[in-house]
């Protein structure tokens, strides 16, 4: 996953009131647990023996939808639309 901001708080538990155990700045992080489709919090690895939780809205998968447009004959058109890698 990729942290999409700077100063993103990593918490000790999946709760906004939990202690901050680290922070991320546009970082690539490894998941500590498989990601559920409806997850509100994501458990990430901070080091070999430390994990923490990040608000799922602040992380993105590098394998998401991508789209590209180009202006052709005076109109914007989709050039490609990818789902995943």
Protein backbone atom coordinates (compact mmCIF):
# COMPACT_ATOMS: atom_id res chain seq x y z
CA UNK A 1 0.00 0.00 0.00
CA UNK A 2 1.03 3.63 -0.46
CA UNK A 3 0.45 6.37 2.11
CA UNK A 4 -1.03 9.32 0.21
CA UNK A 5 0.11 12.14 2.44
CA UNK A 6 2.66 13.30 4.98
CA UNK A 7 2.38 13.09 8.73
CA UNK A 8 -0.12 10.22 8.54
CA UNK A 9 -0.53 8.86 12.06
CA UNK A 10 -0.01 5.16 12.66
CA UNK A 11 -1.95 4.07 15.74
CA UNK A 12 -1.47 1.21 18.18
CA UNK A 13 -5.05 0.01 17.72
CA UNK A 14 -7.73 0.54 15.04
CA UNK A 15 -9.21 3.55 16.80
CA UNK A 16 -8.80 7.31 16.36
CA UNK A 17 -8.25 7.65 20.13
CA UNK A 18 -5.45 5.06 20.23
CA UNK A 19 -1.84 6.09 20.89
CA UNK A 20 0.26 7.18 17.91
CA UNK A 21 3.10 4.68 17.38
CA UNK A 22 4.57 6.14 14.21
CA UNK A 23 3.92 8.26 11.14
CA UNK A 24 4.12 7.90 7.38
CA UNK A 25 5.17 10.40 4.71
CA UNK A 26 4.17 9.25 1.21
CA UNK A 27 5.53 5.84 2.22
CA UNK A 28 5.18 2.40 0.74
CA UNK A 29 4.08 0.03 3.49
CA UNK A 30 3.57 -3.70 3.76
CA UNK A 31 0.30 -5.08 5.08
CA UNK A 32 0.49 -7.02 8.35
CA UNK A 33 -2.85 -8.74 7.66
CA UNK A 34 -4.86 -9.36 4.48
CA UNK A 35 -7.02 -6.35 3.59
CA UNK A 36 -10.79 -6.75 3.89
CA UNK A 37 -12.85 -5.02 1.18
CA UNK A 38 -14.78 -2.96 3.75
CA UNK A 39 -11.84 -2.23 6.08
CA UNK A 40 -11.91 1.11 7.88
CA UNK A 41 -8.41 0.54 9.32
CA UNK A 42 -5.41 -1.20 7.78
CA UNK A 43 -2.77 -2.98 9.85
CA UNK A 44 0.68 -2.24 8.43
CA UNK A 45 4.21 -3.35 9.28
CA UNK A 46 6.43 -0.63 10.71
CA UNK A 47 9.43 -2.90 11.19
CA UNK A 48 10.20 -6.59 11.55
CA UNK A 49 8.47 -6.79 14.92
CA UNK A 50 6.19 -3.70 15.05
CA UNK A 51 2.82 -3.07 13.47
CA UNK A 52 0.27 -0.29 13.62
CA UNK A 53 -3.04 0.79 12.15
CA UNK A 54 -3.74 3.45 9.54
CA UNK A 55 -7.07 4.90 8.46
CA UNK A 56 -7.89 3.07 5.21
CA UNK A 57 -8.81 6.38 3.51
CA UNK A 58 -5.16 7.44 3.75
CA UNK A 59 -3.75 4.44 1.87
CA UNK A 60 -4.03 3.39 -1.77
CA UNK A 61 -3.24 0.18 -3.53
CA UNK A 62 -0.83 0.42 -6.46
CA UNK A 63 -3.20 -2.00 -8.20
CA UNK A 64 -6.29 0.17 -8.63
CA UNK A 65 -8.21 1.46 -11.61
CA UNK A 66 -6.30 3.69 -14.02
CA UNK A 67 -7.65 5.65 -16.95
CA UNK A 68 -6.08 7.81 -19.64
CA UNK A 69 -7.76 10.31 -21.96
CA UNK A 70 -6.60 11.98 -25.16
CA UNK A 71 -8.17 14.66 -27.32
CA UNK A 72 -8.97 13.12 -30.72
CA UNK A 73 -10.73 14.98 -33.49
CA UNK A 74 -11.70 17.73 -31.06
CA UNK A 75 -13.21 15.40 -28.44
CA UNK A 76 -11.82 13.82 -25.28
CA UNK A 77 -11.83 10.04 -25.53
CA UNK A 78 -10.71 7.20 -23.31
CA UNK A 79 -7.41 5.77 -24.52
CA UNK A 80 -7.22 3.02 -21.92
CA UNK A 81 -8.93 1.83 -18.76
CA UNK A 82 -7.10 -0.68 -16.57
CA UNK A 83 -8.31 -2.63 -13.56
CA UNK A 84 -5.31 -3.96 -11.68
CA UNK A 85 -1.85 -4.65 -13.01
